[in-house]
């Protein structure tokens, strides 16, 4: 029994007329009649009661019609699912993200993607940037939302967010009431920073910005996560340069000041060139759309 036999049978079962069924199938009636007869012979049952004036389904025919419709529906569903998976519209996507992006692009991008592609199962996992880059190369994650990695061989990168650094200060710090400060005003401060082995990008960005101002930051404490950094700032253990978006966490005893001529932090979408999960393409497309919206909101067009 082949799928075409089921299509022939269902056409006759629906019309109860061999001539009309043949017309629907775009074949002549004699070959259709022969195929139905061969199907009955293979099954060993009569599917239709035939007379000169009427064609009726037998009990066996009624049963086969229900099963055939289920089979043909499943086949069509399988075709659609295969096509959707091939186009990145269904499947599974493992997304690793650094904590610093949890307050900026990750929530918005995840909501936009799951809304556009509800059939894709998105699995989110937090990691530090250096480990995340290793996971991408090893195939343990499909995409990463992170700082630009130091070693980019074998990886594709696409910018999905950009924001300036701000200064996190204990609320009682003299500069906390100024609203804006210069990097040179921080030369005598103790810094809390992410270690370079966790992310060379953000470490070098902060240290380089201080060195451009003529001093090397005095680093008192290193820890991986920005939330931990600002909490330690609130405990009076030092000051820190952090993403502007981290201010939305409103940690106790911490004031955020704008930094004059602040360097911008890039967040990129990264994946291995050897990973051919089609959901990566659809995720990257949505990330581009979210980034364009962010840019248009940040820099609205001038009035005519």
C-alpha atoms as a PDB file:
ATOM      1  CA  UNK A   1       0.000   0.000   0.000  1.00  0.00           C
ATOM      2  CA  UNK A   2       1.350   3.404  -0.983  1.00  0.00           C
ATOM      3  CA  UNK A   3       0.232   6.894  -0.041  1.00  0.00           C
ATOM      4  CA  UNK A   4      -1.199   7.418  -3.525  1.00  0.00           C
ATOM      5  CA  UNK A   5      -3.530   4.444  -2.956  1.00  0.00           C
ATOM      6  CA  UNK A   6      -4.864   6.143   0.173  1.00  0.00           C
ATOM      7  CA  UNK A   7      -5.335   9.398  -1.757  1.00  0.00           C
ATOM      8  CA  UNK A   8      -7.289   7.475  -4.446  1.00  0.00           C
ATOM      9  CA  UNK A   9      -9.384   5.700  -1.864  1.00  0.00           C
ATOM     10  CA  UNK A  10     -10.233   8.872   0.112  1.00  0.00           C
ATOM     11  CA  UNK A  11     -11.214  10.686  -3.093  1.00  0.00           C
ATOM     12  CA  UNK A  12     -13.714   7.944  -3.968  1.00  0.00           C
ATOM     13  CA  UNK A  13     -14.878   7.671  -0.346  1.00  0.00           C
ATOM     14  CA  UNK A  14     -15.563  11.420  -0.195  1.00  0.00           C
ATOM     15  CA  UNK A  15     -17.443  11.635  -3.492  1.00  0.00           C
ATOM     16  CA  UNK A  16     -18.928   8.120  -3.627  1.00  0.00           C
ATOM     17  CA  UNK A  17     -18.553   8.482  -7.383  1.00  0.00           C
ATOM     18  CA  UNK A  18     -15.652   7.022  -9.371  1.00  0.00           C
ATOM     19  CA  UNK A  19     -16.043   9.509 -12.224  1.00  0.00           C
ATOM     20  CA  UNK A  20     -16.012  12.576  -9.964  1.00  0.00           C
ATOM     21  CA  UNK A  21     -13.114  11.181  -7.946  1.00  0.00           C
ATOM     22  CA  UNK A  22     -11.109  10.559 -11.140  1.00  0.00           C
ATOM     23  CA  UNK A  23     -11.762  14.131 -12.249  1.00  0.00           C
ATOM     24  CA  UNK A  24     -10.606  15.459  -8.885  1.00  0.00           C
ATOM     25  CA  UNK A  25      -7.446  13.371  -9.085  1.00  0.00           C
ATOM     26  CA  UNK A  26      -6.839  14.370 -12.735  1.00  0.00           C
ATOM     27  CA  UNK A  27      -6.722  10.768 -13.918  1.00  0.00           C
ATOM     28  CA  UNK A  28      -9.104   8.723 -16.026  1.00  0.00           C
ATOM     29  CA  UNK A  29     -11.704   6.484 -14.391  1.00  0.00           C
ATOM     30  CA  UNK A  30     -10.499   3.025 -15.512  1.00  0.00           C
ATOM     31  CA  UNK A  31      -7.051   3.293 -13.870  1.00  0.00           C
ATOM     32  CA  UNK A  32      -8.708   4.604 -10.692  1.00  0.00           C
ATOM     33  CA  UNK A  33     -11.100   1.655 -10.613  1.00  0.00           C
ATOM     34  CA  UNK A  34      -8.200  -0.758 -11.094  1.00  0.00           C
ATOM     35  CA  UNK A  35      -6.225   0.842  -8.232  1.00  0.00           C
ATOM     36  CA  UNK A  36      -9.195   0.547  -5.859  1.00  0.00           C
ATOM     37  CA  UNK A  37      -9.700  -3.077  -6.906  1.00  0.00           C
ATOM     38  CA  UNK A  38      -6.006  -3.821  -6.274  1.00  0.00           C
ATOM     39  CA  UNK A  39      -6.251  -2.152  -2.848  1.00  0.00           C
ATOM     40  CA  UNK A  40      -9.255  -4.316  -1.938  1.00  0.00           C
ATOM     41  CA  UNK A  41      -7.366  -7.373  -3.140  1.00  0.00           C
ATOM     42  CA  UNK A  42      -4.327  -6.499  -1.056  1.00  0.00           C
ATOM     43  CA  UNK A  43      -6.421  -5.909   2.065  1.00  0.00           C
ATOM     44  CA  UNK A  44      -8.674  -8.884   1.472  1.00  0.00           C
ATOM     45  CA  UNK A  45     -11.848  -6.887   2.103  1.00  0.00           C
ATOM     46  CA  UNK A  46     -14.485  -5.080   0.056  1.00  0.00           C
ATOM     47  CA  UNK A  47     -14.296  -1.324   0.583  1.00  0.00           C
ATOM     48  CA  UNK A  48     -17.208  -0.218  -1.612  1.00  0.00           C
ATOM     49  CA  UNK A  49     -20.586  -1.678  -2.439  1.00  0.00           C
ATOM     50  CA  UNK A  50     -21.118  -0.896  -6.114  1.00  0.00           C
ATOM     51  CA  UNK A  51     -24.276  -0.891  -8.179  1.00  0.00           C
ATOM     52  CA  UNK A  52     -25.203   0.752 -11.460  1.00  0.00           C
ATOM     53  CA  UNK A  53     -26.694   3.702  -9.575  1.00  0.00           C
ATOM     54  CA  UNK A  54     -24.882   3.910  -6.216  1.00  0.00           C
ATOM     55  CA  UNK A  55     -21.490   3.529  -4.546  1.00  0.00           C
ATOM     56  CA  UNK A  56     -21.491   2.999  -0.793  1.00  0.00           C
ATOM     57  CA  UNK A  57     -18.746   2.425   1.755  1.00  0.00           C
ATOM     58  CA  UNK A  58     -18.722  -0.912   3.558  1.00  0.00           C
ATOM     59  CA  UNK A  59     -17.939  -1.140   7.290  1.00  0.00           C
ATOM     60  CA  UNK A  60     -14.331  -1.924   6.315  1.00  0.00           C
ATOM     61  CA  UNK A  61     -14.343   1.100   4.010  1.00  0.00           C
ATOM     62  CA  UNK A  62     -15.634   3.387   6.764  1.00  0.00           C
ATOM     63  CA  UNK A  63     -12.860   2.201   9.081  1.00  0.00           C
ATOM     64  CA  UNK A  64     -10.179   2.628   6.430  1.00  0.00           C
ATOM     65  CA  UNK A  65     -11.439   6.100   5.579  1.00  0.00           C
ATOM     66  CA  UNK A  66     -10.977   7.290   9.190  1.00  0.00           C
ATOM     67  CA  UNK A  67      -7.513   5.743   9.420  1.00  0.00           C
ATOM     68  CA  UNK A  68      -6.501   7.019   5.983  1.00  0.00           C
ATOM     69  CA  UNK A  69      -7.472  10.571   6.888  1.00  0.00           C
ATOM     70  CA  UNK A  70      -5.374  10.336  10.051  1.00  0.00           C
ATOM     71  CA  UNK A  71      -2.418   8.950   8.093  1.00  0.00           C
ATOM     72  CA  UNK A  72      -2.605  11.574   5.366  1.00  0.00           C
ATOM     73  CA  UNK A  73      -2.977  14.323   7.964  1.00  0.00           C
ATOM     74  CA  UNK A  74       0.097  13.028   9.808  1.00  0.00           C
ATOM     75  CA  UNK A  75       2.087  12.952   6.585  1.00  0.00           C
ATOM     76  CA  UNK A  76       1.159  16.560   5.807  1.00  0.00           C
ATOM     77  CA  UNK A  77       2.036  17.573   9.352  1.00  0.00           C
ATOM     78  CA  UNK A  78       5.392  15.818   9.029  1.00  0.00           C
ATOM     79  CA  UNK A  79       6.066  17.742   5.815  1.00  0.00           C
ATOM     80  CA  UNK A  80       5.188  21.049   7.472  1.00  0.00           C
ATOM     81  CA  UNK A  81       7.311  20.244  10.522  1.00  0.00           C
ATOM     82  CA  UNK A  82      10.298  19.283   8.395  1.00  0.00           C
ATOM     83  CA  UNK A  83       9.954  22.470   6.374  1.00  0.00           C
ATOM     84  CA  UNK A  84       9.587  24.582   9.516  1.00  0.00           C
ATOM     85  CA  UNK A  85      12.646  22.958  11.094  1.00  0.00           C
ATOM     86  CA  UNK A  86      14.624  23.509   7.903  1.00  0.00           C
ATOM     87  CA  UNK A  87      13.648  27.183   7.919  1.00  0.00           C
ATOM     88  CA  UNK A  88      14.424  27.607  11.624  1.00  0.00           C
ATOM     89  CA  UNK A  89      10.754  27.980  12.555  1.00  0.00           C
ATOM     90  CA  UNK A  90      10.747  25.036  14.961  1.00  0.00           C
ATOM     91  CA  UNK A  91      13.264  23.038  16.939  1.00  0.00           C
ATOM     92  CA  UNK A  92      15.442  23.777  19.956  1.00  0.00           C
ATOM     93  CA  UNK A  93      17.826  26.681  20.531  1.00  0.00           C
ATOM     94  CA  UNK A  94      20.301  26.810  23.408  1.00  0.00           C
ATOM     95  CA  UNK A  95      21.115  30.418  24.337  1.00  0.00           C
ATOM     96  CA  UNK A  96      23.944  31.296  26.693  1.00  0.00           C
ATOM     97  CA  UNK A  97      24.114  34.822  28.066  1.00  0.00           C
ATOM     98  CA  UNK A  98      26.356  36.826  30.344  1.00  0.00           C
ATOM     99  CA  UNK A  99      24.760  38.293  33.448  1.00  0.00           C
ATOM    100  CA  UNK A 100      25.491  41.862  32.346  1.00  0.00           C
ATOM    101  CA  UNK A 101      23.060  41.437  29.420  1.00  0.00           C
ATOM    102  CA  UNK A 102      20.231  40.217  31.638  1.00  0.00           C
ATOM    103  CA  UNK A 103      19.088  43.783  32.284  1.00  0.00           C
ATOM    104  CA  UNK A 104      19.356  45.040  28.707  1.00  0.00           C
ATOM    105  CA  UNK A 105      18.884  42.943  25.588  1.00  0.00           C
ATOM    106  CA  UNK A 106      18.211  39.398  26.843  1.00  0.00           C
ATOM    107  CA  UNK A 107      14.620  39.850  28.115  1.00  0.00           C
ATOM    108  CA  UNK A 108      13.490  41.923  25.121  1.00  0.00           C
ATOM    109  CA  UNK A 109      15.141  39.630  22.570  1.00  0.00           C
ATOM    110  CA  UNK A 110      13.777  36.467  24.200  1.00  0.00           C
ATOM    111  CA  UNK A 111      10.225  37.830  24.279  1.00  0.00           C
ATOM    112  CA  UNK A 112      10.420  38.958  20.655  1.00  0.00           C
ATOM    113  CA  UNK A 113      11.808  35.624  19.455  1.00  0.00           C
ATOM    114  CA  UNK A 114       9.432  33.348  21.352  1.00  0.00           C
ATOM    115  CA  UNK A 115       6.521  35.473  20.125  1.00  0.00           C
ATOM    116  CA  UNK A 116       7.664  35.207  16.499  1.00  0.00           C
ATOM    117  CA  UNK A 117       8.652  31.522  16.711  1.00  0.00           C
ATOM    118  CA  UNK A 118       6.504  29.852  19.383  1.00  0.00           C
ATOM    119  CA  UNK A 119       7.386  26.369  18.089  1.00  0.00           C
ATOM    120  CA  UNK A 120      11.063  26.814  18.941  1.00  0.00           C
ATOM    121  CA  UNK A 121      12.036  25.654  22.422  1.00  0.00           C
ATOM    122  CA  UNK A 122      14.463  28.269  23.758  1.00  0.00           C
ATOM    123  CA  UNK A 123      16.751  27.176  26.575  1.00  0.00           C
ATOM    124  CA  UNK A 124      18.513  30.020  28.419  1.00  0.00           C
ATOM    125  CA  UNK A 125      21.602  29.582  30.555  1.00  0.00           C
ATOM    126  CA  UNK A 126      23.747  32.181  32.286  1.00  0.00           C
ATOM    127  CA  UNK A 127      27.528  31.976  31.981  1.00  0.00           C
ATOM    128  CA  UNK A 128      30.656  34.125  32.043  1.00  0.00           C
ATOM    129  CA  UNK A 129      31.906  35.302  28.631  1.00  0.00           C
ATOM    130  CA  UNK A 130      35.092  33.227  28.435  1.00  0.00           C
ATOM    131  CA  UNK A 131      33.286  30.002  29.314  1.00  0.00           C
ATOM    132  CA  UNK A 132      30.455  30.878  26.958  1.00  0.00           C
ATOM    133  CA  UNK A 133      32.854  31.218  24.025  1.00  0.00           C
ATOM    134  CA  UNK A 134      34.210  27.747  24.845  1.00  0.00           C
ATOM    135  CA  UNK A 135      30.651  26.366  24.994  1.00  0.00           C
ATOM    136  CA  UNK A 136      29.908  27.764  21.530  1.00  0.00           C
ATOM    137  CA  UNK A 137      32.992  26.138  20.026  1.00  0.00           C
ATOM    138  CA  UNK A 138      32.216  22.833  21.746  1.00  0.00           C
ATOM    139  CA  UNK A 139      28.587  22.859  20.603  1.00  0.00           C
ATOM    140  CA  UNK A 140      27.247  23.067  24.167  1.00  0.00           C
ATOM    141  CA  UNK A 141      25.418  26.300  23.274  1.00  0.00           C
ATOM    142  CA  UNK A 142      23.994  27.448  19.940  1.00  0.00           C
ATOM    143  CA  UNK A 143      24.302  31.201  20.428  1.00  0.00           C
ATOM    144  CA  UNK A 144      25.829  33.468  23.031  1.00  0.00           C
ATOM    145  CA  UNK A 145      24.836  36.984  24.107  1.00  0.00           C
ATOM    146  CA  UNK A 146      28.072  38.390  25.425  1.00  0.00           C
ATOM    147  CA  UNK A 147      30.990  40.780  25.095  1.00  0.00           C
ATOM    148  CA  UNK A 148      33.006  40.409  21.882  1.00  0.00           C
ATOM    149  CA  UNK A 149      35.307  37.444  22.589  1.00  0.00           C
ATOM    150  CA  UNK A 150      39.068  37.927  22.546  1.00  0.00           C
ATOM    151  CA  UNK A 151      39.561  34.908  20.271  1.00  0.00           C
ATOM    152  CA  UNK A 152      37.118  35.146  17.379  1.00  0.00           C
ATOM    153  CA  UNK A 153      38.407  32.339  15.154  1.00  0.00           C
ATOM    154  CA  UNK A 154      35.541  30.121  14.014  1.00  0.00           C
ATOM    155  CA  UNK A 155      32.905  32.450  15.475  1.00  0.00           C
ATOM    156  CA  UNK A 156      30.389  34.766  13.815  1.00  0.00           C
ATOM    157  CA  UNK A 157      29.561  38.031  15.621  1.00  0.00           C
ATOM    158  CA  UNK A 158      26.718  40.491  15.305  1.00  0.00           C
ATOM    159  CA  UNK A 159      26.221  43.566  17.511  1.00  0.00           C
ATOM    160  CA  UNK A 160      22.840  43.463  19.266  1.00  0.00           C
ATOM    161  CA  UNK A 161      23.201  46.166  21.928  1.00  0.00           C
ATOM    162  CA  UNK A 162      25.425  49.063  22.910  1.00  0.00           C
ATOM    163  CA  UNK A 163      25.353  51.201  26.042  1.00  0.00           C
ATOM    164  CA  UNK A 164      27.736  53.480  27.952  1.00  0.00           C
ATOM    165  CA  UNK A 165      29.472  52.766  31.199  1.00  0.00           C
ATOM    166  CA  UNK A 166      28.327  54.669  34.277  1.00  0.00           C
ATOM    167  CA  UNK A 167      29.910  55.045  37.695  1.00  0.00           C
ATOM    168  CA  UNK A 168      28.453  53.096  40.619  1.00  0.00           C
ATOM    169  CA  UNK A 169      29.197  54.885  43.891  1.00  0.00           C
ATOM    170  CA  UNK A 170      28.228  54.358  47.525  1.00  0.00           C
ATOM    171  CA  UNK A 171      25.332  56.735  48.152  1.00  0.00           C
ATOM    172  CA  UNK A 172      27.353  58.685  50.749  1.00  0.00           C
ATOM    173  CA  UNK A 173      30.271  59.254  48.376  1.00  0.00           C
ATOM    174  CA  UNK A 174      30.980  62.988  47.721  1.00  0.00           C
ATOM    175  CA  UNK A 175      30.603  62.489  43.953  1.00  0.00           C
ATOM    176  CA  UNK A 176      27.193  60.816  44.315  1.00  0.00           C
ATOM    177  CA  UNK A 177      25.418  64.174  44.425  1.00  0.00           C
ATOM    178  CA  UNK A 178      27.073  65.515  41.264  1.00  0.00           C
ATOM    179  CA  UNK A 179      25.107  63.471  38.714  1.00  0.00           C
ATOM    180  CA  UNK A 180      28.089  63.409  36.332  1.00  0.00           C
ATOM    181  CA  UNK A 181      31.791  62.936  36.943  1.00  0.00           C
ATOM    182  CA  UNK A 182      35.068  62.776  35.031  1.00  0.00           C
ATOM    183  CA  UNK A 183      37.109  59.604  34.959  1.00  0.00           C
ATOM    184  CA  UNK A 184      40.101  61.562  36.329  1.00  0.00           C
ATOM    185  CA  UNK A 185      38.122  62.218  39.509  1.00  0.00           C
ATOM    186  CA  UNK A 186      38.279  58.485  40.251  1.00  0.00           C
ATOM    187  CA  UNK A 187      42.068  58.142  40.228  1.00  0.00           C
ATOM    188  CA  UNK A 188      42.319  57.737  44.006  1.00  0.00           C
ATOM    189  CA  UNK A 189      39.373  55.364  44.314  1.00  0.00           C
ATOM    190  CA  UNK A 190      39.432  51.612  44.922  1.00  0.00           C
ATOM    191  CA  UNK A 191      37.838  49.792  41.985  1.00  0.00           C
ATOM    192  CA  UNK A 192      35.682  46.682  41.950  1.00  0.00           C
ATOM    193  CA  UNK A 193      35.897  44.971  38.565  1.00  0.00           C
ATOM    194  CA  UNK A 194      35.362  41.694  36.715  1.00  0.00           C
ATOM    195  CA  UNK A 195      38.615  39.721  36.413  1.00  0.00           C
ATOM    196  CA  UNK A 196      40.313  39.716  33.028  1.00  0.00           C
ATOM    197  CA  UNK A 197      40.081  35.918  32.811  1.00  0.00           C
ATOM    198  CA  UNK A 198      36.281  36.234  32.953  1.00  0.00           C
ATOM    199  CA  UNK A 199      36.197  38.804  30.133  1.00  0.00           C
ATOM    200  CA  UNK A 200      39.229  40.504  28.675  1.00  0.00           C
ATOM    201  CA  UNK A 201      36.909  42.858  26.780  1.00  0.00           C
ATOM    202  CA  UNK A 202      35.291  44.672  29.717  1.00  0.00           C
ATOM    203  CA  UNK A 203      38.446  44.553  31.838  1.00  0.00           C
ATOM    204  CA  UNK A 204      40.566  46.119  29.115  1.00  0.00           C
ATOM    205  CA  UNK A 205      37.861  48.675  28.319  1.00  0.00           C
ATOM    206  CA  UNK A 206      37.739  49.940  31.909  1.00  0.00           C
ATOM    207  CA  UNK A 207      41.469  49.816  32.584  1.00  0.00           C
ATOM    208  CA  UNK A 208      42.241  51.392  29.195  1.00  0.00           C
ATOM    209  CA  UNK A 209      39.808  54.241  29.824  1.00  0.00           C
ATOM    210  CA  UNK A 210      41.502  54.988  33.138  1.00  0.00           C
ATOM    211  CA  UNK A 211      44.971  54.805  31.579  1.00  0.00           C
ATOM    212  CA  UNK A 212      43.872  57.237  28.850  1.00  0.00           C
ATOM    213  CA  UNK A 213      43.133  59.653  31.699  1.00  0.00           C
ATOM    214  CA  UNK A 214      46.657  59.216  33.073  1.00  0.00           C
ATOM    215  CA  UNK A 215      46.259  56.665  35.852  1.00  0.00           C
ATOM    216  CA  UNK A 216      46.056  52.931  36.432  1.00  0.00           C
ATOM    217  CA  UNK A 217      43.004  51.958  38.501  1.00  0.00           C
ATOM    218  CA  UNK A 218      43.690  50.565  41.957  1.00  0.00           C
ATOM    219  CA  UNK A 219      41.735  47.295  41.906  1.00  0.00           C
ATOM    220  CA  UNK A 220      40.655  46.209  45.369  1.00  0.00           C
ATOM    221  CA  UNK A 221      38.267  43.408  44.504  1.00  0.00           C
ATOM    222  CA  UNK A 222      37.453  41.225  41.492  1.00  0.00           C
ATOM    223  CA  UNK A 223      34.206  39.318  40.990  1.00  0.00           C
ATOM    224  CA  UNK A 224      32.450  37.909  37.937  1.00  0.00           C
ATOM    225  CA  UNK A 225      28.975  39.414  38.006  1.00  0.00           C
ATOM    226  CA  UNK A 226      27.870  43.035  37.764  1.00  0.00           C
ATOM    227  CA  UNK A 227      25.074  42.505  40.292  1.00  0.00           C
ATOM    228  CA  UNK A 228      27.662  41.340  42.814  1.00  0.00           C
ATOM    229  CA  UNK A 229      29.877  44.313  41.928  1.00  0.00           C
ATOM    230  CA  UNK A 230      27.174  46.914  42.616  1.00  0.00           C
ATOM    231  CA  UNK A 231      26.131  45.150  45.824  1.00  0.00           C
ATOM    232  CA  UNK A 232      29.719  45.381  47.046  1.00  0.00           C
ATOM    233  CA  UNK A 233      29.750  49.050  46.053  1.00  0.00           C
ATOM    234  CA  UNK A 234      26.697  49.497  48.286  1.00  0.00           C
ATOM    235  CA  UNK A 235      28.696  47.953  51.128  1.00  0.00           C
ATOM    236  CA  UNK A 236      31.308  50.676  50.734  1.00  0.00           C
ATOM    237  CA  UNK A 237      34.076  48.412  49.430  1.00  0.00           C
ATOM    238  CA  UNK A 238      34.853  50.544  46.396  1.00  0.00           C
ATOM    239  CA  UNK A 239      33.461  52.102  43.227  1.00  0.00           C
ATOM    240  CA  UNK A 240      32.860  50.525  39.821  1.00  0.00           C
ATOM    241  CA  UNK A 241      32.241  51.260  36.167  1.00  0.00           C
ATOM    242  CA  UNK A 242      29.216  49.248  35.074  1.00  0.00           C
ATOM    243  CA  UNK A 243      26.636  49.058  32.296  1.00  0.00           C
ATOM    244  CA  UNK A 244      24.037  51.827  32.452  1.00  0.00           C
ATOM    245  CA  UNK A 245      21.242  49.222  32.357  1.00  0.00           C
ATOM    246  CA  UNK A 246      22.361  47.762  35.700  1.00  0.00           C
ATOM    247  CA  UNK A 247      20.934  50.903  37.339  1.00  0.00           C
ATOM    248  CA  UNK A 248      17.462  49.410  36.788  1.00  0.00           C
ATOM    249  CA  UNK A 249      18.175  46.945  39.616  1.00  0.00           C
ATOM    250  CA  UNK A 250      18.120  49.838  42.123  1.00  0.00           C
ATOM    251  CA  UNK A 251      20.551  48.248  44.602  1.00  0.00           C
ATOM    252  CA  UNK A 252      20.527  49.583  48.144  1.00  0.00           C
ATOM    253  CA  UNK A 253      22.993  52.334  49.049  1.00  0.00           C
ATOM    254  CA  UNK A 254      24.265  52.761  45.484  1.00  0.00           C
ATOM    255  CA  UNK A 255      24.068  55.888  43.322  1.00  0.00           C
ATOM    256  CA  UNK A 256      24.783  55.792  39.594  1.00  0.00           C
ATOM    257  CA  UNK A 257      26.462  58.812  38.003  1.00  0.00           C
ATOM    258  CA  UNK A 258      26.918  59.484  34.319  1.00  0.00           C
ATOM    259  CA  UNK A 259      30.522  59.338  33.182  1.00  0.00           C
ATOM    260  CA  UNK A 260      31.692  62.167  30.933  1.00  0.00           C
ATOM    261  CA  UNK A 261      33.036  60.840  27.619  1.00  0.00           C
ATOM    262  CA  UNK A 262      32.078  57.339  28.720  1.00  0.00           C
ATOM    263  CA  UNK A 263      33.182  54.420  26.544  1.00  0.00           C
ATOM    264  CA  UNK A 264      30.414  52.308  25.063  1.00  0.00           C
ATOM    265  CA  UNK A 265      30.055  48.616  25.825  1.00  0.00           C
ATOM    266  CA  UNK A 266      29.152  46.357  22.905  1.00  0.00           C
ATOM    267  CA  UNK A 267      27.043  43.240  23.406  1.00  0.00           C
ATOM    268  CA  UNK A 268      27.177  40.780  20.529  1.00  0.00           C
ATOM    269  CA  UNK A 269      25.308  37.737  19.365  1.00  0.00           C
ATOM    270  CA  UNK A 270      27.911  35.030  18.749  1.00  0.00           C
ATOM    271  CA  UNK A 271      27.769  31.532  17.297  1.00  0.00           C
ATOM    272  CA  UNK A 272      30.080  28.931  15.819  1.00  0.00           C
ATOM    273  CA  UNK A 273      30.440  28.847  12.049  1.00  0.00           C
ATOM    274  CA  UNK A 274      30.289  25.051  12.351  1.00  0.00           C
ATOM    275  CA  UNK A 275      26.868  25.085  14.008  1.00  0.00           C
ATOM    276  CA  UNK A 276      24.173  24.635  11.359  1.00  0.00           C
ATOM    277  CA  UNK A 277      21.103  24.800  13.608  1.00  0.00           C
ATOM    278  CA  UNK A 278      18.655  26.735  11.361  1.00  0.00           C
ATOM    279  CA  UNK A 279      17.141  28.415  14.427  1.00  0.00           C
ATOM    280  CA  UNK A 280      20.341  30.459  14.743  1.00  0.00           C
ATOM    281  CA  UNK A 281      19.449  32.361  11.564  1.00  0.00           C
ATOM    282  CA  UNK A 282      15.945  33.207  12.749  1.00  0.00           C
ATOM    283  CA  UNK A 283      17.275  34.243  16.161  1.00  0.00           C
ATOM    284  CA  UNK A 284      19.858  36.504  14.518  1.00  0.00           C
ATOM    285  CA  UNK A 285      17.161  38.060  12.336  1.00  0.00           C
ATOM    286  CA  UNK A 286      15.014  38.891  15.363  1.00  0.00           C
ATOM    287  CA  UNK A 287      18.087  40.243  17.173  1.00  0.00           C
ATOM    288  CA  UNK A 288      18.729  42.608  14.260  1.00  0.00           C
ATOM    289  CA  UNK A 289      15.128  43.827  14.380  1.00  0.00           C
ATOM    290  CA  UNK A 290      15.330  44.439  18.144  1.00  0.00           C
ATOM    291  CA  UNK A 291      18.625  46.322  17.672  1.00  0.00           C
ATOM    292  CA  UNK A 292      17.129  48.524  14.934  1.00  0.00           C
ATOM    293  CA  UNK A 293      14.192  49.410  17.182  1.00  0.00           C
ATOM    294  CA  UNK A 294      16.589  50.232  20.012  1.00  0.00           C
ATOM    295  CA  UNK A 295      18.620  52.518  17.746  1.00  0.00           C
ATOM    296  CA  UNK A 296      15.519  54.292  16.436  1.00  0.00           C
ATOM    297  CA  UNK A 297      14.276  54.893  19.986  1.00  0.00           C
ATOM    298  CA  UNK A 298      17.688  56.075  21.176  1.00  0.00           C
ATOM    299  CA  UNK A 299      18.158  58.406  18.187  1.00  0.00           C
ATOM    300  CA  UNK A 300      14.723  59.436  16.866  1.00  0.00           C
ATOM    301  CA  UNK A 301      14.702  61.194  13.490  1.00  0.00           C
ATOM    302  CA  UNK A 302      14.826  64.984  13.519  1.00  0.00           C
ATOM    303  CA  UNK A 303      11.447  66.693  12.969  1.00  0.00           C
ATOM    304  CA  UNK A 304      10.796  67.865   9.401  1.00  0.00           C
END
